[in-house]
Amino acid sequence: MLHKIWLFFIVSAFIATCAKVAITGDLGGFEEVMNAIVSMAKTSVDIAIGLIGLLAFWLGIFKVAEHSGLIAKFSRVLEPLLCRIMPDIPKGHPALGSITMNMSANVLGLDNAATPFGIKAMQDMQSLAPVKDTLTNSQILFLVLNTSSVTLFPIAVFLYRAEQGAAQPTDVFIPILLATSASTLAGLFITCAVQKVNLFNRVVLGYLVGVFSLLAAIILYFSNLAAEQLASQSSLVANFLLLLFIVLVLVLGWRKKKNTYELFVDGAKQGFEVAITIIPFLLAMLFAIGMLRASGLLDMVMQGIAYMVSAVGLDTRFVDAVPNALMKPLSGSGARALMIETMQHHGADSFAGRLASVMQGSTETTFYVLAVYLGAVGIKHSRYAVGCCLAADGAGIFTAIMVSYWFFG
């Protein structure tokens, strides 16, 4: 899928440039596109180099978190809920442990740990499947919860915003938390409704009351703030929680008698490797998007959408981030590249730059997750999984737009 989108971008930009030159007689059109390609090639390397230190730091912290038992603690908190919303999994089955480990890793932002746990969870649930090439109800709900992706610490978004020069890279923290919560809750309710799972038992209601109470407290607190205070308060809360998380991880590692220094250094060593690894992916998407922008095609499409939005009397500023919303379910690297390009074109602290960041943190890459997890267990028939996952994505994107207007509008 991704290679088709990528090729479509490049060919469309070339055709648009040819049409622009033929119609307007502007012979510099081809030079502008080539300059954009060269500029984006340089930008992809600059971004990766700028991220090395930050990536090394957080990978070091996450390495300690993995060995400190923090994920296991989250697992014990989540297991009672999973037993109720996935009734086809027997109590005490290994699948429950794998699922909780995966979800705990996702909440903490430990992507490298989450994927192996997710594959293990799919394999464990597959052992209970009556039809081996078809998703079970529990597998579908698990996939929806993964693609909606509640992440307490969207570190990657903060890193890219910092690299792009945002004054307060973490000011999108609360908007992301609200958007990703809406995505997950929508996915949970829709999927459980389709599966006829009872959400009105004491255990599930207890968890839901806890989640809604937290969200209500956040909304109540921030609704009493002046508009100019919203971003700064979001940044304050995010920075406090990040510092608390760092200290908590290191203290837990020390109490477990782990050598936290060596674990941190081992994790940090991966920072350079990861930063270098992402260069080809960034380059591939950034130069294609740069061609679209330089050819005028991207602006033309956005102007068309803006015209239709304004025709019904709505504000059009969110339109500049629409490409991120469309790309997010299809490609993580593509959405990341679009977020970076949006921040570069409009500014990291512009409305579009912040909205693109919130969208990036609100959901996971749906079709990538489905491809990886279904392929890991040889599933051919996904039933209604795609529909439920996309419904969750839609809820997350809509909420991202609404809270961005609230915080930054």
Protein backbone atom coordinates (compact mmCIF):
# COMPACT_ATOMS: atom_id res chain seq x y z
CA MET A 1 0.00 0.00 0.00
CA LEU A 2 2.69 2.50 1.03
CA HIS A 3 4.76 2.08 -2.13
CA LYS A 4 1.67 2.81 -4.23
CA ILE A 5 0.93 6.00 -2.27
CA TRP A 6 4.58 7.06 -2.57
CA LEU A 7 4.66 6.50 -6.32
CA PHE A 8 1.32 8.28 -6.69
CA PHE A 9 2.73 11.36 -4.93
CA ILE A 10 5.78 11.50 -7.22
CA VAL A 11 3.93 10.92 -10.51
CA SER A 12 1.14 13.35 -9.54
CA ALA A 13 3.69 16.03 -8.70
CA PHE A 14 5.48 15.50 -12.02
CA ILE A 15 2.23 15.71 -14.01
CA ALA A 16 1.13 18.81 -12.07
CA THR A 17 4.50 20.47 -12.74
CA CYS A 18 4.27 19.70 -16.47
CA ALA A 19 0.76 21.13 -16.56
CA LYS A 20 1.87 24.23 -14.64
CA VAL A 21 4.73 24.85 -17.09
CA ALA A 22 2.52 24.25 -20.14
CA ILE A 23 -0.35 26.44 -18.93
CA THR A 24 1.49 29.32 -17.26
CA GLY A 25 4.70 29.23 -19.26
CA ASP A 26 6.69 29.29 -16.03
CA LEU A 27 9.83 27.42 -17.13
CA GLY A 28 11.21 27.52 -13.60
CA GLY A 29 8.67 24.96 -12.38
CA PHE A 30 10.96 21.98 -12.88
CA GLU A 31 13.82 23.76 -11.13
CA GLU A 32 11.58 24.50 -8.13
CA VAL A 33 10.67 20.83 -7.78
CA MET A 34 14.30 19.72 -8.07
CA ASN A 35 15.31 22.32 -5.47
CA ALA A 36 12.63 20.92 -3.18
CA ILE A 37 14.02 17.40 -3.61
CA VAL A 38 17.55 18.57 -2.76
CA SER A 39 16.27 20.58 0.21
CA MET A 40 14.27 17.65 1.61
CA ALA A 41 17.24 15.30 1.21
CA LYS A 42 19.31 17.66 3.36
CA THR A 43 16.44 18.13 5.81
CA SER A 44 16.03 14.39 6.40
CA VAL A 45 19.68 14.12 7.49
CA ASP A 46 19.50 17.29 9.60
CA ILE A 47 16.43 15.97 11.42
CA ALA A 48 18.03 12.61 12.15
CA ILE A 49 21.25 14.18 13.45
CA GLY A 50 19.28 16.59 15.62
CA LEU A 51 17.41 13.67 17.17
CA ILE A 52 20.41 11.55 18.14
CA GLY A 53 20.88 12.98 21.63
CA LEU A 54 17.19 13.04 22.50
CA LEU A 55 16.61 9.52 21.17
CA ALA A 56 19.62 8.21 23.06
CA PHE A 57 18.33 9.72 26.30
CA TRP A 58 14.80 8.32 26.06
CA LEU A 59 15.86 4.91 24.81
CA GLY A 60 18.16 4.75 27.82
CA ILE A 61 15.28 5.57 30.17
CA PHE A 62 13.00 3.07 28.45
CA LYS A 63 15.66 0.37 28.77
CA VAL A 64 15.66 0.88 32.53
CA ALA A 65 11.85 0.88 32.53
CA GLU A 66 11.78 -2.51 30.83
CA HIS A 67 14.05 -4.05 33.47
CA SER A 68 12.58 -2.26 36.49
CA GLY A 69 9.30 -4.18 36.41
CA LEU A 70 7.20 -1.14 35.54
CA ILE A 71 5.46 -2.93 32.68
CA ALA A 72 4.60 -5.86 34.94
CA LYS A 73 3.00 -3.46 37.42
CA PHE A 74 0.81 -1.99 34.69
CA SER A 75 -0.10 -5.52 33.63
CA ARG A 76 -1.53 -6.35 37.04
CA VAL A 77 -3.66 -3.20 36.89
CA LEU A 78 -5.12 -3.99 33.46
CA GLU A 79 -5.77 -7.74 33.72
CA PRO A 80 -9.14 -7.60 35.59
CA LEU A 81 -10.55 -5.34 32.85
CA LEU A 82 -9.36 -7.58 30.03
CA CYS A 83 -11.02 -10.64 31.56
CA ARG A 84 -14.40 -8.87 31.26
CA ILE A 85 -14.13 -7.28 27.81
CA MET A 86 -12.59 -10.41 26.25
CA PRO A 87 -14.83 -13.13 27.72
CA ASP A 88 -13.78 -15.74 25.14
CA ILE A 89 -10.33 -15.90 26.76
CA PRO A 90 -10.36 -18.21 29.83
CA LYS A 91 -9.17 -16.70 33.09
CA GLY A 92 -5.49 -17.45 33.66
CA HIS A 93 -4.79 -18.05 29.96
CA PRO A 94 -1.32 -16.90 28.79
CA ALA A 95 -2.99 -14.56 26.27
CA LEU A 96 -4.11 -12.25 29.09
CA GLY A 97 -0.53 -11.78 30.22
CA SER A 98 0.70 -11.06 26.69
CA ILE A 99 -2.11 -8.58 26.07
CA THR A 100 -1.48 -6.69 29.29
CA MET A 101 2.25 -6.57 28.59
CA ASN A 102 1.56 -5.18 25.11
CA MET A 103 -0.89 -2.55 26.33
CA SER A 104 1.39 -1.55 29.21
CA ALA A 105 4.30 -1.08 26.81
CA ASN A 106 2.09 1.04 24.52
CA VAL A 107 0.95 3.23 27.42
CA LEU A 108 4.57 3.87 28.38
CA GLY A 109 5.60 4.53 24.78
CA LEU A 110 7.85 1.44 24.59
CA ASP A 111 7.21 0.68 20.91
CA ASN A 112 10.10 -1.77 20.60
CA ALA A 113 8.70 -3.84 23.45
CA ALA A 114 5.04 -3.46 22.46
CA THR A 115 5.32 -5.12 19.04
CA PRO A 116 6.88 -8.43 20.22
CA PHE A 117 4.33 -8.58 23.06
CA GLY A 118 1.57 -7.88 20.53
CA ILE A 119 2.67 -10.67 18.22
CA LYS A 120 2.87 -13.04 21.20
CA ALA A 121 -0.64 -11.99 22.28
CA MET A 122 -2.03 -12.68 18.79
CA GLN A 123 -0.36 -16.09 18.78
CA ASP A 124 -1.74 -16.91 22.24
CA MET A 125 -5.26 -15.88 21.22
CA GLN A 126 -4.89 -17.82 17.99
CA SER A 127 -4.56 -21.01 20.03
CA LEU A 128 -8.19 -20.45 21.11
CA ALA A 129 -9.53 -19.68 17.63
CA PRO A 130 -12.05 -22.23 16.28
CA VAL A 131 -11.26 -21.13 12.69
CA LYS A 132 -7.53 -20.55 12.33
CA ASP A 133 -7.60 -18.19 9.35
CA THR A 134 -10.27 -15.86 10.83
CA LEU A 135 -9.98 -13.27 13.59
CA THR A 136 -11.73 -14.01 16.87
CA ASN A 137 -13.67 -11.37 18.80
CA SER A 138 -10.87 -10.94 21.31
CA GLN A 139 -8.29 -10.51 18.54
CA ILE A 140 -10.41 -7.82 16.88
CA LEU A 141 -10.81 -5.87 20.13
CA PHE A 142 -7.09 -6.23 20.79
CA LEU A 143 -6.29 -4.80 17.34
CA VAL A 144 -8.70 -1.88 17.88
CA LEU A 145 -7.08 -1.04 21.21
CA ASN A 146 -3.65 -1.16 19.55
CA THR A 147 -4.56 1.04 16.60
CA SER A 148 -6.28 3.60 18.85
CA SER A 149 -3.03 3.65 20.84
CA VAL A 150 -3.41 5.33 24.22
CA THR A 151 0.11 6.57 24.94
CA LEU A 152 0.72 8.40 28.19
CA PHE A 153 4.04 9.81 26.99
CA PRO A 154 4.06 10.65 23.25
CA ILE A 155 7.83 11.19 23.37
CA ALA A 156 8.35 10.97 19.60
CA VAL A 157 6.01 13.90 18.95
CA PHE A 158 7.80 15.99 21.58
CA LEU A 159 11.18 15.15 20.04
CA TYR A 160 10.16 16.23 16.54
CA ARG A 161 8.56 19.42 17.83
CA ALA A 162 11.72 20.26 19.76
CA GLU A 163 13.86 19.56 16.70
CA GLN A 164 11.66 21.86 14.61
CA GLY A 165 12.12 24.73 17.07
CA ALA A 166 8.84 24.73 19.01
CA ALA A 167 8.96 27.16 21.94
CA GLN A 168 7.20 24.60 24.19
CA PRO A 169 7.45 21.18 22.53
CA THR A 170 5.22 19.57 25.17
CA ASP A 171 2.33 22.06 24.90
CA VAL A 172 0.42 19.46 22.85
CA PHE A 173 0.47 16.92 25.70
CA ILE A 174 -3.07 17.43 27.06
CA PRO A 175 -4.66 17.73 23.57
CA ILE A 176 -2.96 14.47 22.56
CA LEU A 177 -4.12 12.77 25.77
CA LEU A 178 -7.72 13.84 25.15
CA ALA A 179 -7.64 12.86 21.47
CA THR A 180 -6.09 9.44 22.00
CA SER A 181 -8.48 8.76 24.90
CA ALA A 182 -11.44 9.58 22.67
CA SER A 183 -10.07 7.27 19.98
CA THR A 184 -9.63 4.37 22.40
CA LEU A 185 -12.99 4.81 24.12
CA ALA A 186 -14.80 5.08 20.78
CA GLY A 187 -13.06 1.95 19.52
CA LEU A 188 -13.88 0.09 22.74
CA PHE A 189 -17.58 1.05 22.74
CA ILE A 190 -18.11 0.38 19.02
CA THR A 191 -16.35 -2.99 19.06
CA CYS A 192 -18.05 -4.15 22.26
CA ALA A 193 -21.43 -3.09 20.82
CA VAL A 194 -20.79 -5.18 17.71
CA GLN A 195 -19.64 -8.12 19.84
CA LYS A 196 -22.50 -7.64 22.35
CA VAL A 197 -20.05 -7.50 25.26
CA ASN A 198 -21.62 -6.25 28.49
CA LEU A 199 -19.80 -3.12 29.62
CA PHE A 200 -22.14 -2.54 32.54
CA ASN A 201 -20.64 -4.86 35.12
CA ARG A 202 -18.96 -3.54 38.24
CA VAL A 203 -15.37 -4.14 37.16
CA VAL A 204 -15.66 -2.53 33.72
CA LEU A 205 -17.74 0.34 35.09
CA GLY A 206 -15.10 0.90 37.75
CA TYR A 207 -12.40 1.30 35.11
CA LEU A 208 -14.61 3.49 32.92
CA VAL A 209 -15.56 5.70 35.86
CA GLY A 210 -11.87 6.11 36.64
CA VAL A 211 -11.02 7.06 33.05
CA PHE A 212 -13.95 9.45 32.66
CA SER A 213 -13.24 11.02 36.05
CA LEU A 214 -9.67 11.72 34.99
CA LEU A 215 -10.77 13.17 31.65
CA ALA A 216 -13.49 15.24 33.35
CA ALA A 217 -10.97 16.61 35.84
CA ILE A 218 -8.62 17.57 32.99
CA ILE A 219 -11.41 19.23 31.01
CA LEU A 220 -12.77 21.02 34.09
CA TYR A 221 -9.35 22.34 35.07
CA PHE A 222 -8.41 23.56 31.61
CA SER A 223 -11.87 25.01 30.90
CA ASN A 224 -11.29 27.51 33.70
CA LEU A 225 -8.05 28.81 32.20
CA ALA A 226 -7.67 31.79 29.93
CA ALA A 227 -6.88 30.97 26.31
CA GLU A 228 -3.28 32.16 26.60
CA GLN A 229 -2.72 29.85 29.61
CA LEU A 230 -3.87 26.59 28.01
CA ALA A 231 -0.68 25.76 26.09
CA SER A 232 1.65 26.76 28.93
CA GLN A 233 -0.31 24.72 31.49
CA SER A 234 -0.34 21.70 29.18
CA SER A 235 3.44 22.05 28.87
CA LEU A 236 3.79 22.37 32.67
CA VAL A 237 1.80 19.20 33.33
CA ALA A 238 3.68 17.28 30.63
CA ASN A 239 7.11 18.32 31.90
CA PHE A 240 6.21 17.47 35.50
CA LEU A 241 4.93 14.02 34.49
CA LEU A 242 7.96 13.36 32.30
CA LEU A 243 10.34 14.26 35.13
CA LEU A 244 8.31 12.16 37.56
CA PHE A 245 8.42 9.24 35.12
CA ILE A 246 12.22 9.51 34.77
CA VAL A 247 12.77 9.58 38.53
CA LEU A 248 10.23 6.78 39.13
CA VAL A 249 11.86 4.51 36.53
CA LEU A 250 15.35 5.03 37.94
CA VAL A 251 14.26 4.58 41.56
CA LEU A 252 12.34 1.40 40.72
CA GLY A 253 15.35 0.06 38.88
CA TRP A 254 17.58 0.82 41.87
CA ARG A 255 15.13 -0.88 44.26
CA LYS A 256 15.18 -3.95 42.00
CA LYS A 257 18.97 -3.91 42.48
CA LYS A 258 19.53 -3.27 38.78
CA ASN A 259 22.56 -1.37 37.55
CA THR A 260 20.52 1.53 36.21
CA TYR A 261 23.59 3.32 34.87
CA GLU A 262 24.65 0.40 32.67
CA LEU A 263 21.07 -0.23 31.53
CA PHE A 264 20.70 3.43 30.61
CA VAL A 265 23.97 3.42 28.65
CA ASP A 266 22.99 0.20 26.84
CA GLY A 267 19.68 1.72 25.83
CA ALA A 268 21.24 5.03 24.87
CA LYS A 269 23.64 3.28 22.48
CA GLN A 270 20.62 2.43 20.35
CA GLY A 271 19.81 6.13 19.92
CA PHE A 272 22.46 6.65 17.24
CA GLU A 273 21.42 3.49 15.40
CA VAL A 274 17.74 4.44 15.44
CA ALA A 275 18.44 7.99 14.27
CA ILE A 276 20.52 6.73 11.34
CA THR A 277 17.96 4.03 10.52
CA ILE A 278 15.11 6.50 10.04
CA ILE A 279 17.01 8.60 7.46
CA PRO A 280 16.00 6.50 4.40
CA PHE A 281 12.34 6.44 5.48
CA LEU A 282 12.28 10.17 6.13
CA LEU A 283 14.07 10.87 2.86
CA ALA A 284 11.67 8.74 0.82
CA MET A 285 8.55 10.45 2.14
CA LEU A 286 9.90 13.98 2.57
CA PHE A 287 11.16 14.32 -0.99
CA ALA A 288 7.82 13.03 -2.36
CA ILE A 289 5.89 15.49 -0.18
CA GLY A 290 8.33 18.25 -1.12
CA MET A 291 7.58 17.56 -4.79
CA LEU A 292 3.85 17.80 -4.11
CA ARG A 293 4.32 21.12 -2.32
CA ALA A 294 6.69 22.61 -4.95
CA SER A 295 4.46 21.51 -7.84
CA GLY A 296 1.54 23.41 -6.32
CA LEU A 297 -0.65 20.29 -6.28
CA LEU A 298 -0.79 19.98 -2.49
CA ASP A 299 -1.76 23.63 -2.10
CA MET A 300 -4.36 23.25 -4.85
CA VAL A 301 -6.00 20.28 -3.09
CA MET A 302 -5.95 22.08 0.26
CA GLN A 303 -7.47 25.20 -1.30
CA GLY A 304 -10.26 23.06 -2.77
CA ILE A 305 -11.02 21.52 0.61
CA ALA A 306 -10.79 24.94 2.28
CA TYR A 307 -13.27 26.34 -0.25
CA MET A 308 -15.80 23.61 0.52
CA VAL A 309 -15.28 24.05 4.27
CA SER A 310 -15.71 27.83 4.08
CA ALA A 311 -18.81 27.39 1.90
CA VAL A 312 -20.58 25.80 4.87
CA GLY A 313 -19.38 28.54 7.20
CA LEU A 314 -16.62 26.67 9.06
CA ASP A 315 -13.11 27.82 9.96
CA THR A 316 -10.57 26.57 7.42
CA ARG A 317 -7.33 26.56 9.44
CA PHE A 318 -7.56 22.84 10.19
CA VAL A 319 -7.42 22.05 6.46
CA ASP A 320 -3.63 22.48 6.39
CA ALA A 321 -3.34 19.39 8.63
CA VAL A 322 -5.86 17.26 6.70
CA PRO A 323 -3.09 15.40 4.78
CA ASN A 324 -1.81 14.13 8.15
CA ALA A 325 -5.26 12.81 9.03
CA LEU A 326 -5.55 11.01 5.69
CA MET A 327 -2.04 9.55 5.84
CA LYS A 328 -2.05 8.45 9.50
CA PRO A 329 -4.03 5.18 9.07
CA LEU A 330 -1.89 4.21 6.06
CA SER A 331 1.70 4.94 6.98
CA GLY A 332 3.47 5.90 10.19
CA SER A 333 6.57 7.15 8.35
CA GLY A 334 4.39 9.02 5.86
CA ALA A 335 2.36 10.71 8.60
CA ARG A 336 5.54 11.59 10.48
CA ALA A 337 7.03 13.12 7.33
CA LEU A 338 3.86 15.12 6.72
CA MET A 339 3.88 16.36 10.32
CA ILE A 340 7.49 17.53 9.92
CA GLU A 341 6.76 19.14 6.54
CA THR A 342 3.69 20.90 7.99
CA MET A 343 5.76 22.31 10.85
CA GLN A 344 8.47 23.42 8.45
CA HIS A 345 6.03 25.06 6.04
CA HIS A 346 3.71 26.71 8.58
CA GLY A 347 5.89 26.77 11.71
CA ALA A 348 6.09 24.38 14.67
CA ASP A 349 3.99 26.74 16.81
CA SER A 350 1.44 27.54 14.11
CA PHE A 351 -2.08 26.17 14.44
CA ALA A 352 -1.45 23.70 11.61
CA GLY A 353 1.88 22.60 13.11
CA ARG A 354 0.34 21.94 16.51
CA LEU A 355 -2.73 20.22 15.06
CA ALA A 356 -0.53 17.94 12.95
CA SER A 357 1.37 17.03 16.12
CA VAL A 358 -1.85 16.25 18.00
CA MET A 359 -3.09 14.11 15.12
CA GLN A 360 0.22 12.25 15.05
CA GLY A 361 -0.15 11.31 18.71
CA SER A 362 -3.88 10.55 18.65
CA THR A 363 -3.87 7.16 16.89
CA GLU A 364 -1.55 4.45 15.59
CA THR A 365 -0.96 3.41 11.96
CA THR A 366 -3.99 1.18 11.44
CA PHE A 367 -3.07 -0.73 8.30
CA TYR A 368 0.53 -1.27 9.39
CA VAL A 369 -0.63 -2.75 12.71
CA LEU A 370 -3.17 -4.95 10.94
CA ALA A 371 -0.58 -6.14 8.40
CA VAL A 372 2.01 -7.00 11.07
CA TYR A 373 -0.30 -8.74 13.52
CA LEU A 374 -2.46 -10.57 11.00
CA GLY A 375 0.61 -11.68 9.08
CA ALA A 376 2.23 -12.97 12.27
CA VAL A 377 -0.52 -15.55 12.76
CA GLY A 378 -1.55 -16.15 9.13
CA ILE A 379 -4.99 -14.55 9.34
CA LYS A 380 -6.80 -14.14 6.01
CA HIS A 381 -10.26 -12.98 7.13
CA SER A 382 -10.34 -9.87 9.30
CA ARG A 383 -14.16 -9.69 9.57
CA TYR A 384 -15.17 -6.22 10.83
CA ALA A 385 -11.77 -5.31 12.31
CA VAL A 386 -10.91 -2.67 9.69
CA GLY A 387 -14.22 -0.85 10.15
CA CYS A 388 -13.89 -0.70 13.94
CA CYS A 389 -10.26 0.45 13.72
CA LEU A 390 -11.09 3.21 11.25
CA ALA A 391 -14.04 4.33 13.38
CA ALA A 392 -11.63 4.74 16.29
CA ASP A 393 -9.25 6.67 14.02
CA GLY A 394 -12.07 8.96 12.95
CA ALA A 395 -12.99 9.70 16.56
CA GLY A 396 -9.36 10.47 17.38
CA ILE A 397 -8.88 12.81 14.41
CA PHE A 398 -12.16 14.66 15.06
CA THR A 399 -11.26 15.12 18.73
CA ALA A 400 -7.76 16.26 17.77
CA ILE A 401 -9.29 19.05 15.66
CA MET A 402 -11.74 20.08 18.39
CA VAL A 403 -9.21 20.20 21.25
CA SER A 404 -6.65 21.97 19.06
CA TYR A 405 -9.15 24.77 18.45
CA TRP A 406 -9.81 24.83 22.20
CA PHE A 407 -6.14 25.02 23.19
CA PHE A 408 -4.57 26.85 20.27
CA GLY A 409 -7.47 28.40 18.36
